[in-house]
Amino acid sequence: NHSDSPNKDFKVNPQYINRNPRCLEQAGIAPKPLGWQLQNPSRTYHHKIKFDISARNIIAEIIHNSGKVVVSASTKEKAIKAHLHSCNDKSAALNLGRILAHRCLQAGITRVKYQFQIADRQSERMEVFLSALRSNKLIISEKNTFKPHYIPGIDYERPNRY
C-alpha cells in the first residue's frame, strides 16, 4: 500500500482541464470548420500544406485552420540553402519535403491535408515533394471527424431523462 507515502493526503482533482488543443484534433473528435459547401479552396481541415514555387525559391508551410503557420521550411533559409545546388529544382523539392516532414513529426503533427490543384498534378517538383513527405512517415490525409449519434428529444423510458 501507499500508506507510508508523503503524498497520501493528496487527492486527484475530479475536474480535468485539457490544455493541449491539438489532442482532440489528432483523436478525430475536434470539429473541423465547415465553411461554404462550394468554397474553393475548402476550409475543412485541421492542418493543410501550402507549397509555393517561385522563380528562385520554394516555400512549404503547414497552416492550421485558424490561419496561423505552424511549421515552415524554405530554400531561403541559410542552413538549407547552403546544401543545395539550386533552390528551385526537383532535388530542392525533395530535400524540402524531408525537412518539413521531420519538423512536422517533431511538432507532433502526423497528418496533414493537401488540396490538389490541376497545375500541381503536372508539376514534377510537387510529386517529388509529396513523395518525400510520405516516405518520411507524414500522412497526406486527415482522419474523418467522429460525429456522435444524437437523437433530439427526451427519452421518457429512462429513469434519468435529462
Protein backbone atom coordinates (compact mmCIF):
# COMPACT_ATOMS: atom_id res chain seq x y z
CA ASN A 1 0.00 0.00 0.00
CA HIS A 2 0.88 3.65 -0.21
CA SER A 3 0.09 4.44 3.41
CA ASP A 4 3.68 5.45 4.13
CA SER A 5 3.86 7.75 1.10
CA PRO A 6 4.35 11.50 1.73
CA ASN A 7 1.58 12.16 -0.81
CA LYS A 8 -1.06 10.02 0.89
CA ASP A 9 -3.20 13.07 1.77
CA PHE A 10 -3.33 14.40 -1.80
CA LYS A 11 -6.39 13.65 -3.91
CA VAL A 12 -6.79 13.83 -7.66
CA ASN A 13 -8.95 16.71 -8.87
CA PRO A 14 -12.09 15.20 -10.46
CA GLN A 15 -12.37 18.11 -12.90
CA TYR A 16 -9.80 17.74 -15.69
CA ILE A 17 -8.87 20.67 -17.92
CA ASN A 18 -7.20 19.72 -21.19
CA ARG A 19 -4.53 22.28 -22.01
CA ASN A 20 -3.49 20.69 -25.31
CA PRO A 21 -5.90 21.80 -28.03
CA ARG A 22 -4.36 19.51 -30.67
CA CYS A 23 -5.01 16.21 -28.90
CA LEU A 24 -8.70 16.40 -29.81
CA GLU A 25 -7.74 17.12 -33.43
CA GLN A 26 -5.41 14.11 -33.51
CA ALA A 27 -8.08 11.86 -31.99
CA GLY A 28 -10.61 12.97 -34.61
CA ILE A 29 -13.01 14.44 -32.05
CA ALA A 30 -12.50 18.18 -32.62
CA PRO A 31 -14.85 19.51 -35.29
CA LYS A 32 -13.37 20.96 -38.46
CA PRO A 33 -14.67 24.34 -39.63
CA LEU A 34 -17.06 23.68 -42.48
CA GLY A 35 -17.10 26.94 -44.44
CA TRP A 36 -19.32 27.15 -47.51
CA GLN A 37 -20.17 23.96 -49.33
CA LEU A 38 -18.79 25.07 -52.72
CA GLN A 39 -15.95 27.17 -51.31
CA ASN A 40 -12.68 26.69 -53.14
CA PRO A 41 -10.22 26.00 -51.57
CA SER A 42 -12.10 24.08 -48.90
CA ARG A 43 -11.79 25.10 -45.23
CA THR A 44 -12.46 21.64 -43.76
CA TYR A 45 -9.05 20.72 -42.38
CA HIS A 46 -7.02 20.89 -39.20
CA HIS A 47 -3.62 21.28 -40.89
CA LYS A 48 -3.02 21.91 -44.59
CA ILE A 49 0.07 22.01 -46.80
CA LYS A 50 0.87 25.16 -48.74
CA PHE A 51 3.58 24.70 -51.37
CA ASP A 52 4.77 27.72 -53.37
CA ILE A 53 7.32 27.61 -56.16
CA SER A 54 8.69 31.00 -57.21
CA ALA A 55 11.32 31.85 -59.80
CA ARG A 56 14.15 31.46 -57.26
CA ASN A 57 12.85 29.63 -54.17
CA ILE A 58 10.45 27.03 -52.85
CA ILE A 59 8.41 27.65 -49.70
CA ALA A 60 6.46 24.93 -47.88
CA GLU A 61 4.21 25.64 -44.90
CA ILE A 62 1.80 23.77 -42.67
CA ILE A 63 -1.16 26.02 -41.86
CA HIS A 64 -3.65 25.44 -39.04
CA ASN A 65 -7.34 26.09 -39.73
CA SER A 66 -7.07 29.25 -37.64
CA GLY A 67 -4.81 30.68 -40.37
CA LYS A 68 -1.56 30.52 -38.40
CA VAL A 69 1.57 28.94 -39.86
CA VAL A 70 2.55 26.08 -37.56
CA VAL A 71 5.61 24.66 -39.35
CA SER A 72 7.52 26.01 -42.34
CA ALA A 73 10.59 25.26 -44.42
CA SER A 74 12.05 27.27 -47.25
CA THR A 75 15.04 27.27 -49.54
CA LYS A 76 15.56 30.88 -48.41
CA GLU A 77 16.80 29.58 -45.04
CA LYS A 78 20.57 29.82 -44.83
CA ALA A 79 21.03 26.34 -43.36
CA ILE A 80 19.04 24.74 -46.19
CA LYS A 81 20.35 26.92 -49.00
CA ALA A 82 23.97 26.12 -48.15
CA HIS A 83 23.47 22.42 -49.02
CA LEU A 84 21.58 22.88 -52.30
CA HIS A 85 22.92 23.32 -55.80
CA SER A 86 19.75 25.08 -56.99
CA CYS A 87 16.93 26.46 -54.83
CA ASN A 88 14.01 25.55 -57.10
CA ASP A 89 14.72 22.22 -58.80
CA LYS A 90 13.48 18.69 -58.05
CA SER A 91 16.28 17.91 -55.59
CA ALA A 92 15.43 21.06 -53.64
CA ALA A 93 11.77 19.98 -53.50
CA LEU A 94 12.80 16.50 -52.34
CA ASN A 95 15.03 17.83 -49.56
CA LEU A 96 12.45 20.42 -48.52
CA GLY A 97 9.89 17.61 -48.20
CA ARG A 98 12.24 15.64 -45.97
CA ILE A 99 12.93 18.67 -43.78
CA LEU A 100 9.26 19.66 -43.50
CA ALA A 101 8.21 16.10 -42.61
CA HIS A 102 10.89 15.93 -39.93
CA ARG A 103 9.81 19.27 -38.45
CA CYS A 104 6.14 18.22 -38.51
CA LEU A 105 6.87 14.99 -36.66
CA GLN A 106 8.90 16.92 -34.09
CA ALA A 107 5.94 19.27 -33.59
CA GLY A 108 3.55 16.33 -33.14
CA ILE A 109 1.75 16.70 -36.47
CA THR A 110 1.37 13.34 -38.17
CA ARG A 111 -1.49 14.04 -40.60
CA VAL A 112 -1.94 16.95 -42.99
CA LYS A 113 -4.30 17.69 -45.84
CA TYR A 114 -3.21 18.69 -49.31
CA GLN A 115 -5.80 20.14 -51.67
CA PHE A 116 -4.75 19.13 -55.15
CA GLN A 117 -4.83 21.76 -57.87
CA ILE A 118 -4.77 20.95 -61.59
CA ALA A 119 -1.44 22.75 -62.09
CA ASP A 120 0.15 20.76 -59.24
CA ARG A 121 -0.70 17.41 -60.79
CA GLN A 122 1.50 18.26 -63.76
CA SER A 123 4.39 19.53 -61.62
CA GLU A 124 7.24 17.07 -61.12
CA ARG A 125 8.56 19.10 -58.18
CA MET A 126 5.20 18.76 -56.42
CA GLU A 127 5.13 14.99 -56.94
CA VAL A 128 8.69 14.68 -55.60
CA PHE A 129 7.82 16.88 -52.60
CA LEU A 130 4.73 14.83 -51.69
CA SER A 131 6.58 11.52 -52.12
CA ALA A 132 9.30 12.82 -49.76
CA LEU A 133 6.63 13.68 -47.18
CA ARG A 134 5.08 10.21 -47.48
CA SER A 135 8.42 8.39 -47.32
CA ASN A 136 9.24 10.23 -44.09
CA LYS A 137 6.03 8.98 -42.41
CA LEU A 138 3.84 12.06 -42.78
CA ILE A 139 0.29 11.07 -43.78
CA ILE A 140 -1.22 13.24 -46.52
CA SER A 141 -4.84 12.79 -45.43
CA GLU A 142 -6.70 13.65 -42.27
CA LYS A 143 -8.94 11.47 -40.15
CA ASN A 144 -12.65 11.82 -40.53
CA THR A 145 -14.11 13.55 -37.50
CA PHE A 146 -16.13 11.49 -35.09
CA LYS A 147 -19.76 12.58 -35.06
CA PRO A 148 -21.64 11.36 -32.00
CA HIS A 149 -25.03 9.78 -32.54
CA TYR A 150 -27.55 12.26 -31.22
CA ILE A 151 -31.30 11.82 -31.12
CA PRO A 152 -33.09 15.04 -30.22
CA GLY A 153 -35.79 14.99 -27.59
CA ILE A 154 -36.32 13.44 -24.19
CA ASP A 155 -36.33 9.70 -23.62
CA TYR A 156 -39.16 9.19 -21.13
CA GLU A 157 -38.32 5.50 -20.70
CA ARG A 158 -35.05 6.14 -18.84
CA PRO A 159 -35.13 6.94 -15.13
CA ASN A 160 -32.78 9.92 -15.51
CA ARG A 161 -34.06 11.58 -18.64
CA TYR A 162 -32.23 14.89 -18.52
